[in-house]
C-alpha atoms as a PDB file:
ATOM      1  CA  UNK A   1    -116.742 -21.181-104.863  1.00  0.00           C
ATOM      2  CA  UNK A   2    -117.457 -20.793-101.162  1.00  0.00           C
ATOM      3  CA  UNK A   3    -114.973 -20.001 -98.450  1.00  0.00           C
ATOM      4  CA  UNK A   4    -114.936 -22.763 -95.841  1.00  0.00           C
ATOM      5  CA  UNK A   5    -113.788 -21.609 -92.403  1.00  0.00           C
ATOM      6  CA  UNK A   6    -112.668 -24.200 -89.884  1.00  0.00           C
ATOM      7  CA  UNK A   7    -112.404 -23.860 -86.111  1.00  0.00           C
ATOM      8  CA  UNK A   8    -110.871 -25.727 -83.153  1.00  0.00           C
ATOM      9  CA  UNK A   9    -110.766 -29.536 -83.563  1.00  0.00           C
ATOM     10  CA  UNK A  10    -111.915 -29.506 -87.196  1.00  0.00           C
ATOM     11  CA  UNK A  11    -109.097 -27.053 -87.985  1.00  0.00           C
ATOM     12  CA  UNK A  12    -106.628 -29.404 -86.316  1.00  0.00           C
ATOM     13  CA  UNK A  13    -108.016 -32.348 -88.307  1.00  0.00           C
ATOM     14  CA  UNK A  14    -107.524 -30.279 -91.472  1.00  0.00           C
ATOM     15  CA  UNK A  15    -103.783 -29.918 -90.842  1.00  0.00           C
ATOM     16  CA  UNK A  16    -104.266 -26.466 -89.343  1.00  0.00           C
ATOM     17  CA  UNK A  17    -106.090 -24.944 -92.329  1.00  0.00           C
ATOM     18  CA  UNK A  18    -108.089 -21.906 -91.200  1.00  0.00           C
ATOM     19  CA  UNK A  19    -109.973 -21.485 -94.460  1.00  0.00           C
ATOM     20  CA  UNK A  20    -110.064 -22.890 -97.955  1.00  0.00           C
ATOM     21  CA  UNK A  21    -112.085 -22.253-101.081  1.00  0.00           C
ATOM     22  CA  UNK A  22    -114.336 -25.140-102.126  1.00  0.00           C
ATOM     23  CA  UNK A  23    -116.840 -25.472-104.946  1.00  0.00           C
ATOM     24  CA  UNK A  24    -120.359 -26.647-104.173  1.00  0.00           C
ATOM     25  CA  UNK A  25    -123.997 -25.713-104.631  1.00  0.00           C
ATOM     26  CA  UNK A  26    -125.045 -26.645-101.087  1.00  0.00           C
ATOM     27  CA  UNK A  27    -123.544 -26.871 -97.634  1.00  0.00           C
ATOM     28  CA  UNK A  28    -123.568 -30.659 -97.977  1.00  0.00           C
ATOM     29  CA  UNK A  29    -121.539 -30.556-101.191  1.00  0.00           C
ATOM     30  CA  UNK A  30    -118.964 -28.253 -99.585  1.00  0.00           C
ATOM     31  CA  UNK A  31    -118.719 -30.421 -96.458  1.00  0.00           C
ATOM     32  CA  UNK A  32    -118.427 -33.604 -98.539  1.00  0.00           C
ATOM     33  CA  UNK A  33    -115.620 -32.066-100.600  1.00  0.00           C
ATOM     34  CA  UNK A  34    -113.842 -31.043 -97.394  1.00  0.00           C
ATOM     35  CA  UNK A  35    -114.210 -34.577 -96.000  1.00  0.00           C
ATOM     36  CA  UNK A  36    -112.731 -35.984 -99.205  1.00  0.00           C
ATOM     37  CA  UNK A  37    -109.829 -33.537 -98.971  1.00  0.00           C
ATOM     38  CA  UNK A  38    -109.047 -33.927 -95.264  1.00  0.00           C
ATOM     39  CA  UNK A  39    -109.876 -37.580 -94.651  1.00  0.00           C
ATOM     40  CA  UNK A  40    -111.628 -39.853 -92.185  1.00  0.00           C
ATOM     41  CA  UNK A  41    -110.610 -38.095 -88.946  1.00  0.00           C
ATOM     42  CA  UNK A  42    -112.052 -34.814 -90.242  1.00  0.00           C
ATOM     43  CA  UNK A  43    -115.209 -36.548 -91.501  1.00  0.00           C
ATOM     44  CA  UNK A  44    -115.737 -38.251 -88.118  1.00  0.00           C
ATOM     45  CA  UNK A  45    -115.983 -34.844 -86.422  1.00  0.00           C
ATOM     46  CA  UNK A  46    -118.641 -33.396 -88.734  1.00  0.00           C
ATOM     47  CA  UNK A  47    -121.738 -35.052 -87.155  1.00  0.00           C
ATOM     48  CA  UNK A  48    -121.099 -33.205 -83.872  1.00  0.00           C
ATOM     49  CA  UNK A  49    -120.534 -29.814 -85.505  1.00  0.00           C
ATOM     50  CA  UNK A  50    -122.813 -26.896 -86.300  1.00  0.00           C
ATOM     51  CA  UNK A  51    -122.628 -25.314 -89.738  1.00  0.00           C
ATOM     52  CA  UNK A  52    -123.268 -21.648 -90.448  1.00  0.00           C
ATOM     53  CA  UNK A  53    -123.534 -19.779 -93.748  1.00  0.00           C
ATOM     54  CA  UNK A  54    -122.763 -16.078 -93.698  1.00  0.00           C
ATOM     55  CA  UNK A  55    -123.264 -15.972 -89.935  1.00  0.00           C
ATOM     56  CA  UNK A  56    -126.602 -17.816 -89.912  1.00  0.00           C
ATOM     57  CA  UNK A  57    -127.305 -21.416 -88.842  1.00  0.00           C
ATOM     58  CA  UNK A  58    -127.570 -23.743 -91.847  1.00  0.00           C
ATOM     59  CA  UNK A  59    -128.464 -27.312 -92.723  1.00  0.00           C
ATOM     60  CA  UNK A  60    -126.714 -29.613 -95.184  1.00  0.00           C
ATOM     61  CA  UNK A  61    -129.328 -28.864 -97.860  1.00  0.00           C
ATOM     62  CA  UNK A  62    -128.867 -25.080 -97.567  1.00  0.00           C
ATOM     63  CA  UNK A  63    -128.028 -23.652-100.997  1.00  0.00           C
ATOM     64  CA  UNK A  64    -124.899 -21.554-101.274  1.00  0.00           C
ATOM     65  CA  UNK A  65    -123.653 -19.120-103.853  1.00  0.00           C
ATOM     66  CA  UNK A  66    -120.255 -17.882-104.932  1.00  0.00           C
ATOM     67  CA  UNK A  67    -118.543 -15.846-102.223  1.00  0.00           C
ATOM     68  CA  UNK A  68    -120.645 -17.312 -99.397  1.00  0.00           C
ATOM     69  CA  UNK A  69    -118.818 -18.187 -96.193  1.00  0.00           C
ATOM     70  CA  UNK A  70    -119.466 -21.630 -94.708  1.00  0.00           C
ATOM     71  CA  UNK A  71    -118.214 -22.112 -91.139  1.00  0.00           C
ATOM     72  CA  UNK A  72    -117.874 -25.455 -89.364  1.00  0.00           C
ATOM     73  CA  UNK A  73    -118.019 -25.080 -85.586  1.00  0.00           C
ATOM     74  CA  UNK A  74    -117.332 -28.043 -83.318  1.00  0.00           C
ATOM     75  CA  UNK A  75    -118.869 -28.239 -79.834  1.00  0.00           C
ATOM     76  CA  UNK A  76    -117.185 -26.001 -77.280  1.00  0.00           C
ATOM     77  CA  UNK A  77    -116.416 -27.067 -73.755  1.00  0.00           C
ATOM     78  CA  UNK A  78    -114.886 -25.227 -70.890  1.00  0.00           C
ATOM     79  CA  UNK A  79    -115.521 -24.054 -67.452  1.00  0.00           C
END
């Protein structure tokens, strides 16, 4: 089971959840499970986000192990 950490707009789309534990063998499986759990609005944000595993950039096919941390980071704007 990986810990999924959510930030900014994806956190808001997940009803304010900061982190949850989700089972999956890859980043893609974890993200798909999160989309199933949180719905279409959450899923619509994912294509614009970056995903990191244990502080390193990751792709959807990146393998994960128990106790890994998967973070979903939406684009940041400001000025």
